[in-house]
Amino acid sequence: MSSLPTLPPQYFAREDESADELFYAHPRLTAHVDADALASITALYDRYLCGGRAVLDVMSSCISHLPCEHGFTHVAGLGLNAAELAANDQLTERVVQNVNVCPELPWAGGTFDAALLALSVQYATRPVDLFAEIGRVLRPGAPLIVTFSHRSFPSKAVAVWRALDDGGHAALVEHYFEDAGPFGDREVIDCRPRRRCGDPVYAVIGRKTATSDAPR
């Protein structure tokens, strides 16, 4: 059990509290950061997903950023827009689900070798519940790789995210990991490409502890 204080509900308020399904009803078949930033995410995955065969892409869309040469046998994508998931040719399984309403994931414990949460953590209104569920479906030692940039849809980003800078975002994601329970030490990485004038990319990576069982 984490010793961290629970973040108050108002931290997760949004300017637009309408149903997420309405906001994301129109498919956005585009990347949300520039090409160099996308390449830096793929390079990060190339480093950390060696040997993994079953991958979960949470809050997924039309792009999973996975390196093609790894030969993943199962890539499950869970997102809000069916058309975006259908356009993602790296996925072998597609699940439409709003994790802000229902963070419980439809897979058995220990199903995946890795989980990805790319460029979307700022929209999670129940992040600790979600991280705990991701931990449940990961195998021991498997990483959860959370990447983020400075871009967002401000009206759907939670209040605490909007109030922080990049360093604060990393500390907040670390808080989510620690409060969720089933993860060990975190690693914070500055993935920004050498061309610093482009979109920045940061990552926080935690691995499921070998002794973790079901979440709280």
N, C-alpha and C. Protein backbone atom coordinates (compact mmCIF):
# COMPACT_ATOMS: atom_id res chain seq x y z
N MET A 1 0.85 -1.19 0.00
CA MET A 1 0.00 0.00 0.00
C MET A 1 0.88 1.24 0.00
N SER A 2 0.56 2.20 -0.85
CA SER A 2 1.35 3.41 -0.95
C SER A 2 1.17 4.28 0.29
N SER A 3 2.25 5.01 0.66
CA SER A 3 2.17 5.98 1.74
C SER A 3 1.87 7.38 1.20
N LEU A 4 1.71 7.53 -0.11
CA LEU A 4 1.45 8.83 -0.69
C LEU A 4 0.04 9.30 -0.36
N PRO A 5 -0.15 10.62 -0.23
CA PRO A 5 -1.50 11.12 -0.03
C PRO A 5 -2.35 10.91 -1.28
N THR A 6 -3.62 10.63 -1.09
CA THR A 6 -4.53 10.49 -2.21
C THR A 6 -4.79 11.85 -2.83
N LEU A 7 -4.68 11.94 -4.14
CA LEU A 7 -4.94 13.21 -4.81
C LEU A 7 -6.43 13.51 -4.77
N PRO A 8 -6.82 14.74 -4.45
CA PRO A 8 -8.24 15.07 -4.30
C PRO A 8 -8.97 15.03 -5.63
N PRO A 9 -10.27 14.74 -5.61
CA PRO A 9 -11.04 14.61 -6.86
C PRO A 9 -10.96 15.83 -7.76
N GLN A 10 -10.86 17.03 -7.17
CA GLN A 10 -10.85 18.23 -8.00
C GLN A 10 -9.61 18.30 -8.90
N TYR A 11 -8.57 17.57 -8.57
CA TYR A 11 -7.39 17.53 -9.43
C TYR A 11 -7.72 16.93 -10.79
N PHE A 12 -8.77 16.14 -10.84
CA PHE A 12 -9.10 15.42 -12.07
C PHE A 12 -10.33 15.99 -12.77
N ALA A 13 -10.71 17.21 -12.38
CA ALA A 13 -11.78 17.91 -13.08
C ALA A 13 -11.27 18.37 -14.45
N ARG A 14 -12.20 18.53 -15.38
CA ARG A 14 -11.86 18.96 -16.73
C ARG A 14 -12.75 20.13 -17.14
N GLU A 15 -12.26 20.93 -18.04
CA GLU A 15 -13.06 22.04 -18.55
C GLU A 15 -14.30 21.52 -19.26
N ASP A 16 -14.15 20.41 -19.97
CA ASP A 16 -15.27 19.80 -20.68
C ASP A 16 -15.59 18.47 -20.01
N GLU A 17 -16.67 18.45 -19.25
CA GLU A 17 -17.06 17.24 -18.53
C GLU A 17 -18.14 16.45 -19.28
N SER A 18 -18.37 16.79 -20.54
CA SER A 18 -19.30 15.99 -21.33
C SER A 18 -18.72 14.61 -21.56
N ALA A 19 -19.56 13.68 -21.98
CA ALA A 19 -19.13 12.30 -22.18
C ALA A 19 -17.96 12.24 -23.15
N ASP A 20 -16.92 11.48 -22.77
CA ASP A 20 -15.75 11.34 -23.64
C ASP A 20 -16.14 10.75 -25.00
N GLU A 21 -17.13 9.88 -24.99
CA GLU A 21 -17.55 9.26 -26.25
C GLU A 21 -18.02 10.30 -27.26
N LEU A 22 -18.60 11.40 -26.79
CA LEU A 22 -19.01 12.47 -27.69
C LEU A 22 -17.81 13.22 -28.26
N PHE A 23 -16.85 13.54 -27.40
CA PHE A 23 -15.67 14.29 -27.83
C PHE A 23 -14.85 13.50 -28.84
N TYR A 24 -14.75 12.20 -28.62
CA TYR A 24 -13.92 11.36 -29.48
C TYR A 24 -14.74 10.62 -30.55
N ALA A 25 -15.98 11.02 -30.76
CA ALA A 25 -16.83 10.33 -31.73
C ALA A 25 -16.29 10.45 -33.15
N HIS A 26 -15.70 11.58 -33.48
CA HIS A 26 -15.13 11.78 -34.82
C HIS A 26 -13.70 11.26 -34.82
N PRO A 27 -13.38 10.30 -35.69
CA PRO A 27 -12.02 9.74 -35.68
C PRO A 27 -10.96 10.77 -36.07
N ARG A 28 -9.87 10.77 -35.34
CA ARG A 28 -8.74 11.64 -35.65
C ARG A 28 -7.60 10.73 -36.13
N LEU A 29 -7.53 10.55 -37.43
CA LEU A 29 -6.56 9.62 -38.01
C LEU A 29 -5.26 10.36 -38.30
N THR A 30 -4.64 10.83 -37.23
CA THR A 30 -3.43 11.63 -37.36
C THR A 30 -2.57 11.44 -36.12
N ALA A 31 -1.27 11.75 -36.27
CA ALA A 31 -0.37 11.76 -35.12
C ALA A 31 -0.56 13.07 -34.37
N HIS A 32 -0.28 13.07 -33.07
CA HIS A 32 -0.50 14.25 -32.25
C HIS A 32 0.80 14.95 -31.86
N VAL A 33 1.93 14.42 -32.33
CA VAL A 33 3.23 15.08 -32.17
C VAL A 33 3.97 14.96 -33.50
N ASP A 34 5.09 15.65 -33.64
CA ASP A 34 5.77 15.66 -34.93
C ASP A 34 6.53 14.36 -35.19
N ALA A 35 7.07 14.23 -36.41
CA ALA A 35 7.67 12.97 -36.85
C ALA A 35 8.87 12.57 -36.00
N ASP A 36 9.69 13.53 -35.60
CA ASP A 36 10.86 13.20 -34.77
C ASP A 36 10.43 12.69 -33.40
N ALA A 37 9.40 13.28 -32.84
CA ALA A 37 8.89 12.83 -31.55
C ALA A 37 8.34 11.41 -31.66
N LEU A 38 7.60 11.14 -32.73
CA LEU A 38 7.09 9.78 -32.94
C LEU A 38 8.23 8.78 -33.06
N ALA A 39 9.28 9.17 -33.79
CA ALA A 39 10.43 8.27 -33.95
C ALA A 39 11.11 8.01 -32.61
N SER A 40 11.12 9.00 -31.73
CA SER A 40 11.76 8.81 -30.43
C SER A 40 10.96 7.84 -29.57
N ILE A 41 9.62 7.83 -29.72
CA ILE A 41 8.80 6.86 -28.99
C ILE A 41 9.07 5.46 -29.51
N THR A 42 9.14 5.30 -30.83
CA THR A 42 9.44 3.98 -31.40
C THR A 42 10.81 3.50 -30.97
N ALA A 43 11.80 4.40 -30.94
CA ALA A 43 13.14 4.01 -30.49
C ALA A 43 13.13 3.57 -29.03
N LEU A 44 12.34 4.25 -28.21
CA LEU A 44 12.21 3.85 -26.80
C LEU A 44 11.61 2.45 -26.70
N TYR A 45 10.56 2.20 -27.45
CA TYR A 45 9.95 0.87 -27.44
C TYR A 45 10.95 -0.19 -27.91
N ASP A 46 11.76 0.17 -28.90
CA ASP A 46 12.75 -0.77 -29.41
C ASP A 46 13.72 -1.20 -28.31
N ARG A 47 14.02 -0.27 -27.40
CA ARG A 47 14.94 -0.57 -26.29
C ARG A 47 14.29 -1.44 -25.22
N TYR A 48 13.02 -1.20 -24.93
CA TYR A 48 12.40 -1.79 -23.74
C TYR A 48 11.47 -2.96 -24.02
N LEU A 49 11.18 -3.24 -25.27
CA LEU A 49 10.24 -4.31 -25.57
C LEU A 49 10.91 -5.55 -26.15
N CYS A 50 12.21 -5.63 -26.06
CA CYS A 50 12.91 -6.81 -26.57
C CYS A 50 12.43 -8.05 -25.82
N GLY A 51 12.06 -9.06 -26.57
CA GLY A 51 11.63 -10.32 -25.96
C GLY A 51 10.16 -10.37 -25.64
N GLY A 52 9.45 -9.24 -25.68
CA GLY A 52 8.03 -9.25 -25.41
C GLY A 52 7.24 -9.71 -26.62
N ARG A 53 6.23 -10.51 -26.40
CA ARG A 53 5.41 -11.01 -27.49
C ARG A 53 3.97 -10.50 -27.43
N ALA A 54 3.44 -10.32 -26.25
CA ALA A 54 2.07 -9.85 -26.08
C ALA A 54 2.10 -8.45 -25.47
N VAL A 55 1.55 -7.47 -26.19
CA VAL A 55 1.64 -6.07 -25.80
C VAL A 55 0.23 -5.48 -25.72
N LEU A 56 0.00 -4.67 -24.69
CA LEU A 56 -1.26 -3.97 -24.51
C LEU A 56 -1.03 -2.48 -24.73
N ASP A 57 -1.79 -1.90 -25.66
CA ASP A 57 -1.73 -0.47 -25.94
C ASP A 57 -3.00 0.16 -25.38
N VAL A 58 -2.87 0.86 -24.26
CA VAL A 58 -4.01 1.44 -23.54
C VAL A 58 -4.26 2.87 -24.02
N MET A 59 -5.54 3.25 -24.14
CA MET A 59 -5.93 4.54 -24.68
C MET A 59 -5.32 4.70 -26.08
N SER A 60 -5.49 3.65 -26.85
CA SER A 60 -4.87 3.53 -28.17
C SER A 60 -5.64 4.31 -29.21
N SER A 61 -5.02 4.43 -30.39
CA SER A 61 -5.65 5.14 -31.50
C SER A 61 -5.22 4.49 -32.81
N CYS A 62 -5.01 5.29 -33.84
CA CYS A 62 -4.66 4.74 -35.14
C CYS A 62 -3.19 4.41 -35.28
N ILE A 63 -2.37 4.75 -34.29
CA ILE A 63 -0.93 4.50 -34.33
C ILE A 63 -0.50 3.92 -32.98
N SER A 64 0.31 2.84 -33.03
CA SER A 64 0.84 2.30 -31.78
C SER A 64 2.34 2.53 -31.63
N HIS A 65 3.00 3.04 -32.66
CA HIS A 65 4.41 3.45 -32.58
C HIS A 65 5.37 2.28 -32.36
N LEU A 66 4.91 1.05 -32.55
CA LEU A 66 5.76 -0.11 -32.27
C LEU A 66 6.79 -0.33 -33.38
N PRO A 67 8.00 -0.76 -33.01
CA PRO A 67 8.99 -1.12 -34.04
C PRO A 67 8.53 -2.38 -34.77
N CYS A 68 8.55 -2.34 -36.07
CA CYS A 68 7.99 -3.44 -36.88
C CYS A 68 8.80 -4.72 -36.79
N GLU A 69 10.10 -4.61 -36.50
CA GLU A 69 10.96 -5.78 -36.58
C GLU A 69 10.88 -6.70 -35.37
N HIS A 70 10.10 -6.37 -34.36
CA HIS A 70 10.08 -7.19 -33.16
C HIS A 70 9.17 -8.41 -33.26
N GLY A 71 8.28 -8.45 -34.19
CA GLY A 71 7.46 -9.63 -34.41
C GLY A 71 6.54 -9.97 -33.26
N PHE A 72 5.81 -8.98 -32.75
CA PHE A 72 4.86 -9.24 -31.67
C PHE A 72 3.74 -10.16 -32.17
N THR A 73 3.36 -11.12 -31.36
CA THR A 73 2.32 -12.05 -31.76
C THR A 73 0.93 -11.58 -31.36
N HIS A 74 0.83 -10.72 -30.35
CA HIS A 74 -0.47 -10.25 -29.87
C HIS A 74 -0.30 -8.79 -29.46
N VAL A 75 -1.00 -7.90 -30.15
CA VAL A 75 -1.00 -6.48 -29.78
C VAL A 75 -2.46 -6.08 -29.60
N ALA A 76 -2.86 -5.91 -28.36
CA ALA A 76 -4.23 -5.53 -28.04
C ALA A 76 -4.31 -4.02 -27.87
N GLY A 77 -5.24 -3.39 -28.57
CA GLY A 77 -5.45 -1.95 -28.45
C GLY A 77 -6.79 -1.65 -27.81
N LEU A 78 -6.79 -0.84 -26.77
CA LEU A 78 -8.01 -0.44 -26.10
C LEU A 78 -8.13 1.07 -26.21
N GLY A 79 -9.22 1.52 -26.85
CA GLY A 79 -9.40 2.95 -27.05
C GLY A 79 -10.87 3.31 -27.15
N LEU A 80 -11.13 4.58 -27.45
CA LEU A 80 -12.50 5.09 -27.44
C LEU A 80 -13.15 5.15 -28.82
N ASN A 81 -12.35 5.09 -29.89
CA ASN A 81 -12.91 5.26 -31.21
C ASN A 81 -12.64 4.03 -32.06
N ALA A 82 -13.71 3.35 -32.48
CA ALA A 82 -13.57 2.10 -33.23
C ALA A 82 -12.87 2.32 -34.57
N ALA A 83 -13.15 3.45 -35.23
CA ALA A 83 -12.53 3.70 -36.53
C ALA A 83 -11.02 3.91 -36.39
N GLU A 84 -10.60 4.59 -35.35
CA GLU A 84 -9.16 4.77 -35.13
C GLU A 84 -8.49 3.43 -34.87
N LEU A 85 -9.10 2.59 -34.05
CA LEU A 85 -8.52 1.28 -33.78
C LEU A 85 -8.48 0.43 -35.05
N ALA A 86 -9.52 0.51 -35.86
CA ALA A 86 -9.56 -0.27 -37.10
C ALA A 86 -8.46 0.16 -38.06
N ALA A 87 -8.08 1.43 -38.02
CA ALA A 87 -7.03 1.93 -38.91
C ALA A 87 -5.63 1.57 -38.44
N ASN A 88 -5.51 1.06 -37.23
CA ASN A 88 -4.20 0.72 -36.66
C ASN A 88 -3.85 -0.71 -37.06
N ASP A 89 -2.99 -0.84 -38.07
CA ASP A 89 -2.69 -2.17 -38.61
C ASP A 89 -1.70 -2.96 -37.76
N GLN A 90 -1.21 -2.37 -36.66
CA GLN A 90 -0.35 -3.13 -35.76
C GLN A 90 -1.14 -3.92 -34.71
N LEU A 91 -2.42 -3.62 -34.60
CA LEU A 91 -3.24 -4.30 -33.59
C LEU A 91 -3.74 -5.64 -34.10
N THR A 92 -3.74 -6.64 -33.23
CA THR A 92 -4.36 -7.92 -33.53
C THR A 92 -5.66 -8.11 -32.76
N GLU A 93 -5.92 -7.22 -31.79
CA GLU A 93 -7.16 -7.24 -31.02
C GLU A 93 -7.55 -5.80 -30.73
N ARG A 94 -8.85 -5.51 -30.84
CA ARG A 94 -9.33 -4.15 -30.66
C ARG A 94 -10.50 -4.16 -29.69
N VAL A 95 -10.43 -3.30 -28.66
CA VAL A 95 -11.48 -3.20 -27.66
C VAL A 95 -11.84 -1.73 -27.51
N VAL A 96 -13.11 -1.40 -27.67
CA VAL A 96 -13.59 -0.04 -27.47
C VAL A 96 -14.09 0.06 -26.03
N GLN A 97 -13.46 0.94 -25.25
CA GLN A 97 -13.83 1.07 -23.83
C GLN A 97 -13.36 2.41 -23.31
N ASN A 98 -14.17 3.03 -22.49
CA ASN A 98 -13.83 4.29 -21.84
C ASN A 98 -13.26 3.97 -20.46
N VAL A 99 -11.95 4.08 -20.30
CA VAL A 99 -11.32 3.72 -19.03
C VAL A 99 -11.59 4.74 -17.94
N ASN A 100 -12.10 5.92 -18.30
CA ASN A 100 -12.49 6.89 -17.28
C ASN A 100 -13.80 6.49 -16.61
N VAL A 101 -14.62 5.75 -17.33
CA VAL A 101 -15.86 5.24 -16.77
C VAL A 101 -15.66 3.87 -16.16
N CYS A 102 -14.92 3.01 -16.87
CA CYS A 102 -14.67 1.64 -16.43
C CYS A 102 -13.19 1.31 -16.61
N PRO A 103 -12.36 1.50 -15.58
CA PRO A 103 -10.94 1.19 -15.71
C PRO A 103 -10.62 -0.30 -15.67
N GLU A 104 -11.59 -1.13 -15.32
CA GLU A 104 -11.33 -2.57 -15.27
C GLU A 104 -11.09 -3.10 -16.69
N LEU A 105 -10.04 -3.85 -16.87
CA LEU A 105 -9.64 -4.32 -18.19
C LEU A 105 -10.14 -5.75 -18.43
N PRO A 106 -10.52 -6.07 -19.68
CA PRO A 106 -11.16 -7.35 -19.97
C PRO A 106 -10.19 -8.48 -20.27
N TRP A 107 -9.09 -8.55 -19.54
CA TRP A 107 -8.13 -9.63 -19.73
C TRP A 107 -7.77 -10.25 -18.39
N ALA A 108 -7.37 -11.50 -18.46
CA ALA A 108 -6.97 -12.21 -17.25
C ALA A 108 -5.64 -11.67 -16.74
N GLY A 109 -5.38 -11.90 -15.46
CA GLY A 109 -4.11 -11.48 -14.88
C GLY A 109 -2.94 -12.15 -15.56
N GLY A 110 -1.85 -11.39 -15.72
CA GLY A 110 -0.63 -11.94 -16.29
C GLY A 110 -0.70 -12.25 -17.77
N THR A 111 -1.52 -11.52 -18.52
CA THR A 111 -1.69 -11.79 -19.95
C THR A 111 -0.57 -11.19 -20.79
N PHE A 112 -0.02 -10.04 -20.40
CA PHE A 112 0.83 -9.26 -21.30
C PHE A 112 2.27 -9.16 -20.82
N ASP A 113 3.17 -9.05 -21.82
CA ASP A 113 4.60 -8.87 -21.56
C ASP A 113 4.98 -7.40 -21.42
N ALA A 114 4.11 -6.51 -21.84
CA ALA A 114 4.37 -5.07 -21.74
C ALA A 114 3.08 -4.33 -21.97
N ALA A 115 3.02 -3.10 -21.45
CA ALA A 115 1.87 -2.22 -21.69
C ALA A 115 2.38 -0.83 -22.05
N LEU A 116 1.63 -0.17 -22.93
CA LEU A 116 1.98 1.15 -23.43
C LEU A 116 0.84 2.11 -23.13
N LEU A 117 1.19 3.32 -22.75
CA LEU A 117 0.21 4.40 -22.58
C LEU A 117 0.84 5.63 -23.19
N ALA A 118 0.55 5.87 -24.47
CA ALA A 118 1.27 6.87 -25.25
C ALA A 118 0.44 8.12 -25.45
N LEU A 119 0.97 9.25 -24.98
CA LEU A 119 0.44 10.58 -25.29
C LEU A 119 -1.02 10.76 -24.87
N SER A 120 -1.44 10.02 -23.82
CA SER A 120 -2.84 10.08 -23.40
C SER A 120 -3.04 10.14 -21.89
N VAL A 121 -1.98 10.00 -21.11
CA VAL A 121 -2.15 9.93 -19.67
C VAL A 121 -2.80 11.19 -19.11
N GLN A 122 -2.66 12.31 -19.81
CA GLN A 122 -3.24 13.58 -19.34
C GLN A 122 -4.76 13.57 -19.34
N TYR A 123 -5.37 12.60 -20.01
CA TYR A 123 -6.82 12.52 -20.08
C TYR A 123 -7.42 11.54 -19.08
N ALA A 124 -6.59 10.84 -18.35
CA ALA A 124 -7.08 9.81 -17.42
C ALA A 124 -7.61 10.47 -16.15
N THR A 125 -8.90 10.26 -15.86
CA THR A 125 -9.51 10.82 -14.66
C THR A 125 -9.45 9.86 -13.48
N ARG A 126 -9.13 8.60 -13.74
CA ARG A 126 -8.97 7.61 -12.67
C ARG A 126 -7.64 6.88 -12.88
N PRO A 127 -6.54 7.63 -12.94
CA PRO A 127 -5.27 7.04 -13.35
C PRO A 127 -4.75 5.96 -12.41
N VAL A 128 -4.95 6.11 -11.11
CA VAL A 128 -4.43 5.11 -10.17
C VAL A 128 -5.17 3.79 -10.36
N ASP A 129 -6.49 3.85 -10.51
CA ASP A 129 -7.27 2.64 -10.78
C ASP A 129 -6.81 2.00 -12.09
N LEU A 130 -6.57 2.82 -13.10
CA LEU A 130 -6.14 2.30 -14.40
C LEU A 130 -4.76 1.66 -14.30
N PHE A 131 -3.81 2.33 -13.64
CA PHE A 131 -2.47 1.77 -13.51
C PHE A 131 -2.51 0.45 -12.74
N ALA A 132 -3.34 0.38 -11.70
CA ALA A 132 -3.45 -0.86 -10.94
C ALA A 132 -3.99 -1.99 -11.81
N GLU A 133 -4.96 -1.67 -12.65
CA GLU A 133 -5.50 -2.69 -13.55
C GLU A 133 -4.47 -3.12 -14.59
N ILE A 134 -3.72 -2.17 -15.12
CA ILE A 134 -2.66 -2.53 -16.05
C ILE A 134 -1.66 -3.45 -15.37
N GLY A 135 -1.30 -3.12 -14.13
CA GLY A 135 -0.40 -4.00 -13.38
C GLY A 135 -0.95 -5.41 -13.23
N ARG A 136 -2.25 -5.50 -13.03
CA ARG A 136 -2.86 -6.82 -12.86
C ARG A 136 -2.69 -7.69 -14.10
N VAL A 137 -2.84 -7.11 -15.30
CA VAL A 137 -2.80 -7.91 -16.53
C VAL A 137 -1.38 -8.09 -17.06
N LEU A 138 -0.39 -7.48 -16.40
CA LEU A 138 1.01 -7.68 -16.80
C LEU A 138 1.60 -8.89 -16.09
N ARG A 139 2.58 -9.51 -16.75
CA ARG A 139 3.35 -10.56 -16.11
C ARG A 139 4.42 -9.92 -15.21
N PRO A 140 4.89 -10.63 -14.19
CA PRO A 140 5.94 -10.08 -13.33
C PRO A 140 7.16 -9.64 -14.13
N GLY A 141 7.66 -8.46 -13.82
CA GLY A 141 8.81 -7.91 -14.51
C GLY A 141 8.48 -7.15 -15.78
N ALA A 142 7.23 -7.20 -16.22
CA ALA A 142 6.84 -6.53 -17.46
C ALA A 142 6.74 -5.02 -17.26
N PRO A 143 7.13 -4.23 -18.27
CA PRO A 143 7.09 -2.77 -18.12
C PRO A 143 5.76 -2.16 -18.54
N LEU A 144 5.38 -1.09 -17.86
CA LEU A 144 4.39 -0.15 -18.34
C LEU A 144 5.15 1.10 -18.75
N ILE A 145 5.06 1.46 -20.02
CA ILE A 145 5.79 2.60 -20.57
C ILE A 145 4.79 3.72 -20.84
N VAL A 146 4.91 4.80 -20.08
CA VAL A 146 4.02 5.94 -20.22
C VAL A 146 4.80 7.08 -20.87
N THR A 147 4.36 7.51 -22.05
CA THR A 147 5.02 8.62 -22.73
C THR A 147 4.06 9.80 -22.82
N PHE A 148 4.64 11.00 -22.82
CA PHE A 148 3.82 12.21 -22.91
C PHE A 148 4.64 13.34 -23.49
N SER A 149 3.94 14.35 -23.97
CA SER A 149 4.56 15.54 -24.54
C SER A 149 3.89 16.77 -23.94
N HIS A 150 4.07 17.91 -24.58
CA HIS A 150 3.43 19.13 -24.11
C HIS A 150 2.10 19.38 -24.81
N ARG A 151 1.74 18.52 -25.75
CA ARG A 151 0.51 18.71 -26.50
C ARG A 151 -0.66 18.00 -25.82
N SER A 152 -1.84 18.57 -25.98
CA SER A 152 -3.05 17.93 -25.45
C SER A 152 -4.27 18.64 -26.01
N PHE A 153 -5.42 18.04 -25.80
CA PHE A 153 -6.69 18.75 -25.96
C PHE A 153 -6.99 19.36 -24.59
N PRO A 154 -6.75 20.66 -24.40
CA PRO A 154 -6.83 21.24 -23.05
C PRO A 154 -8.16 21.02 -22.36
N SER A 155 -9.24 21.02 -23.12
CA SER A 155 -10.55 20.91 -22.48
C SER A 155 -10.79 19.53 -21.88
N LYS A 156 -10.01 18.53 -22.32
CA LYS A 156 -10.18 17.17 -21.80
C LYS A 156 -9.03 16.74 -20.88
N ALA A 157 -7.98 17.54 -20.79
CA ALA A 157 -6.88 17.23 -19.87
C ALA A 157 -7.32 17.56 -18.44
N VAL A 158 -6.90 16.75 -17.49
CA VAL A 158 -7.32 16.97 -16.11
C VAL A 158 -6.61 18.21 -15.53
N ALA A 159 -7.22 18.79 -14.52
CA ALA A 159 -6.75 20.06 -13.98
C ALA A 159 -5.32 19.99 -13.48
N VAL A 160 -4.96 18.93 -12.79
CA VAL A 160 -3.61 18.84 -12.24
C VAL A 160 -2.58 18.81 -13.36
N TRP A 161 -2.91 18.17 -14.47
CA TRP A 161 -1.97 18.13 -15.61
C TRP A 161 -1.79 19.53 -16.19
N ARG A 162 -2.88 20.26 -16.34
CA ARG A 162 -2.80 21.59 -16.93
C ARG A 162 -2.01 22.55 -16.04
N ALA A 163 -1.95 22.27 -14.75
CA ALA A 163 -1.28 23.18 -13.82
C ALA A 163 0.23 22.95 -13.73
N LEU A 164 0.74 21.88 -14.32
CA LEU A 164 2.13 21.49 -14.14
C LEU A 164 2.95 21.68 -15.41
N ASP A 165 4.28 21.78 -15.23
CA ASP A 165 5.19 21.78 -16.38
C ASP A 165 5.67 20.36 -16.64
N ASP A 166 6.62 20.20 -17.56
CA ASP A 166 7.05 18.86 -17.95
C ASP A 166 7.62 18.07 -16.78
N GLY A 167 8.44 18.74 -15.93
CA GLY A 167 8.98 18.05 -14.76
C GLY A 167 7.88 17.65 -13.80
N GLY A 168 6.89 18.52 -13.65
CA GLY A 168 5.76 18.18 -12.80
C GLY A 168 4.95 17.03 -13.35
N HIS A 169 4.81 16.97 -14.67
CA HIS A 169 4.11 15.84 -15.29
C HIS A 169 4.79 14.52 -14.97
N ALA A 170 6.12 14.50 -15.07
CA ALA A 170 6.85 13.27 -14.76
C ALA A 170 6.66 12.86 -13.30
N ALA A 171 6.72 13.84 -12.40
CA ALA A 171 6.51 13.52 -10.98
C ALA A 171 5.10 13.02 -10.73
N LEU A 172 4.13 13.59 -11.43
CA LEU A 172 2.74 13.16 -11.27
C LEU A 172 2.57 11.71 -11.73
N VAL A 173 3.14 11.37 -12.87
CA VAL A 173 3.04 9.99 -13.37
C VAL A 173 3.74 9.03 -12.41
N GLU A 174 4.87 9.44 -11.85
CA GLU A 174 5.51 8.61 -10.83
C GLU A 174 4.58 8.40 -9.65
N HIS A 175 3.85 9.42 -9.27
CA HIS A 175 2.88 9.31 -8.17
C HIS A 175 1.82 8.27 -8.52
N TYR A 176 1.33 8.29 -9.76
CA TYR A 176 0.34 7.30 -10.18
C TYR A 176 0.90 5.89 -10.03
N PHE A 177 2.13 5.69 -10.48
CA PHE A 177 2.76 4.37 -10.38
C PHE A 177 2.83 3.92 -8.92
N GLU A 178 3.33 4.80 -8.05
CA GLU A 178 3.52 4.40 -6.66
C GLU A 178 2.19 4.15 -5.97
N ASP A 179 1.20 4.99 -6.25
CA ASP A 179 -0.08 4.84 -5.59
C ASP A 179 -0.84 3.62 -6.09
N ALA A 180 -0.58 3.20 -7.33
CA ALA A 180 -1.27 2.05 -7.90
C ALA A 180 -0.85 0.74 -7.23
N GLY A 181 0.39 0.66 -6.80
CA GLY A 181 0.78 -0.49 -6.00
C GLY A 181 1.66 -1.55 -6.64
N PRO A 182 1.32 -2.10 -7.83
CA PRO A 182 2.03 -3.30 -8.26
C PRO A 182 3.32 -3.05 -9.03
N PHE A 183 3.91 -1.86 -8.91
CA PHE A 183 5.11 -1.53 -9.68
C PHE A 183 6.28 -1.22 -8.75
N GLY A 184 7.48 -1.57 -9.26
CA GLY A 184 8.69 -1.28 -8.51
C GLY A 184 9.24 0.10 -8.85
N ASP A 185 10.55 0.22 -8.81
CA ASP A 185 11.18 1.51 -9.06
C ASP A 185 10.84 2.02 -10.46
N ARG A 186 10.69 3.35 -10.57
CA ARG A 186 10.39 3.97 -11.84
C ARG A 186 11.66 4.55 -12.47
N GLU A 187 11.61 4.67 -13.77
CA GLU A 187 12.68 5.30 -14.53
C GLU A 187 12.07 6.44 -15.34
N VAL A 188 12.64 7.63 -15.21
CA VAL A 188 12.18 8.80 -15.96
C VAL A 188 13.20 9.09 -17.05
N ILE A 189 12.72 9.23 -18.29
CA ILE A 189 13.61 9.39 -19.44
C ILE A 189 13.19 10.60 -20.25
N ASP A 190 14.15 11.42 -20.60
CA ASP A 190 13.94 12.51 -21.55
C ASP A 190 14.22 11.95 -22.94
N CYS A 191 13.18 11.76 -23.72
CA CYS A 191 13.30 11.14 -25.04
C CYS A 191 13.38 12.18 -26.15
N ARG A 192 13.56 13.41 -25.81
CA ARG A 192 13.54 14.45 -26.84
C ARG A 192 14.57 14.18 -27.91
N PRO A 193 14.19 14.32 -29.18
CA PRO A 193 15.16 14.14 -30.25
C PRO A 193 16.23 15.21 -30.20
N ARG A 194 17.33 14.96 -30.89
CA ARG A 194 18.44 15.91 -30.87
C ARG A 194 18.01 17.27 -31.42
N ARG A 195 17.07 17.27 -32.35
CA ARG A 195 16.57 18.53 -32.87
C ARG A 195 15.60 19.11 -31.85
N ARG A 196 16.11 19.89 -30.94
CA ARG A 196 15.36 20.32 -29.77
C ARG A 196 14.22 21.28 -30.08
N CYS A 197 14.13 21.76 -31.30
CA CYS A 197 13.06 22.70 -31.60
C CYS A 197 11.73 21.98 -31.85
N GLY A 198 11.74 20.66 -31.93
CA GLY A 198 10.52 19.90 -32.16
C GLY A 198 9.77 19.61 -30.86
N ASP A 199 8.75 18.75 -30.98
CA ASP A 199 7.95 18.39 -29.82
C ASP A 199 8.78 17.56 -28.83
N PRO A 200 8.75 17.90 -27.55
CA PRO A 200 9.45 17.09 -26.55
C PRO A 200 8.69 15.81 -26.27
N VAL A 201 9.41 14.79 -25.86
CA VAL A 201 8.79 13.53 -25.43
C VAL A 201 9.50 13.06 -24.17
N TYR A 202 8.72 12.68 -23.18
CA TYR A 202 9.25 12.15 -21.93
C TYR A 202 8.58 10.80 -21.66
N ALA A 203 9.25 10.00 -20.87
CA ALA A 203 8.69 8.69 -20.51
C ALA A 203 8.92 8.43 -19.04
N VAL A 204 7.95 7.77 -18.43
CA VAL A 204 8.11 7.19 -17.10
C VAL A 204 7.80 5.70 -17.25
N ILE A 205 8.73 4.87 -16.80
CA ILE A 205 8.61 3.43 -16.98
C ILE A 205 8.66 2.76 -15.62
N GLY A 206 7.70 1.90 -15.37
CA GLY A 206 7.69 1.09 -14.16
C GLY A 206 7.52 -0.37 -14.53
N ARG A 207 8.08 -1.26 -13.74
CA ARG A 207 7.94 -2.69 -14.00
C ARG A 207 7.12 -3.33 -12.89
N LYS A 208 6.26 -4.25 -13.29
CA LYS A 208 5.47 -4.97 -12.31
C LYS A 208 6.39 -5.77 -11.41
N THR A 209 6.19 -5.67 -10.12
CA THR A 209 7.03 -6.39 -9.19
C THR A 209 6.71 -7.88 -9.23
N ALA A 210 7.69 -8.69 -8.95
CA ALA A 210 7.53 -10.14 -9.04
C ALA A 210 6.54 -10.68 -8.03
N THR A 211 6.33 -9.93 -6.93
CA THR A 211 5.44 -10.42 -5.87
C THR A 211 4.04 -9.85 -5.97
N SER A 212 3.76 -9.07 -7.03
CA SER A 212 2.46 -8.41 -7.14
C SER A 212 1.37 -9.42 -7.51
N ASP A 213 0.25 -9.28 -6.84
CA ASP A 213 -0.93 -10.07 -7.19
C ASP A 213 -1.98 -9.12 -7.77
N ALA A 214 -3.21 -9.31 -7.41
CA ALA A 214 -4.27 -8.42 -7.90
C ALA A 214 -4.11 -7.04 -7.27
N PRO A 215 -4.64 -5.99 -7.96
CA PRO A 215 -4.57 -4.65 -7.39
C PRO A 215 -5.46 -4.54 -6.16
N ARG A 216 -5.29 -3.38 -5.48
CA ARG A 216 -6.04 -3.15 -4.26
C ARG A 216 -7.52 -3.29 -4.47
